[in-house]
């Protein structure tokens, strides 16, 4: 039971971090919180990337701050 509780807590933490990263990303480009509600298919990819270590992200050429821009690169021109 403790493992399930710990796993659930970890998932909530990842979800909170993903939401915060999305808020910051969309706010930085002037879109605000509601913009990501229409892009739920990207949430899973963000969660997967947030679960990676900083070293794994670096091997991909990413930092944690890069994750939203990377995941939503198909929606925004550089």
Foldseek 3Di string as FASTA:
>chain_A
DVVVVVVVVVLVVLVVLLLVLVQVVCVVVPNHNVVCVVVVVLSVVLSVVVPDDQVVQVVVVHGNNCSVCVSCVVPDPD
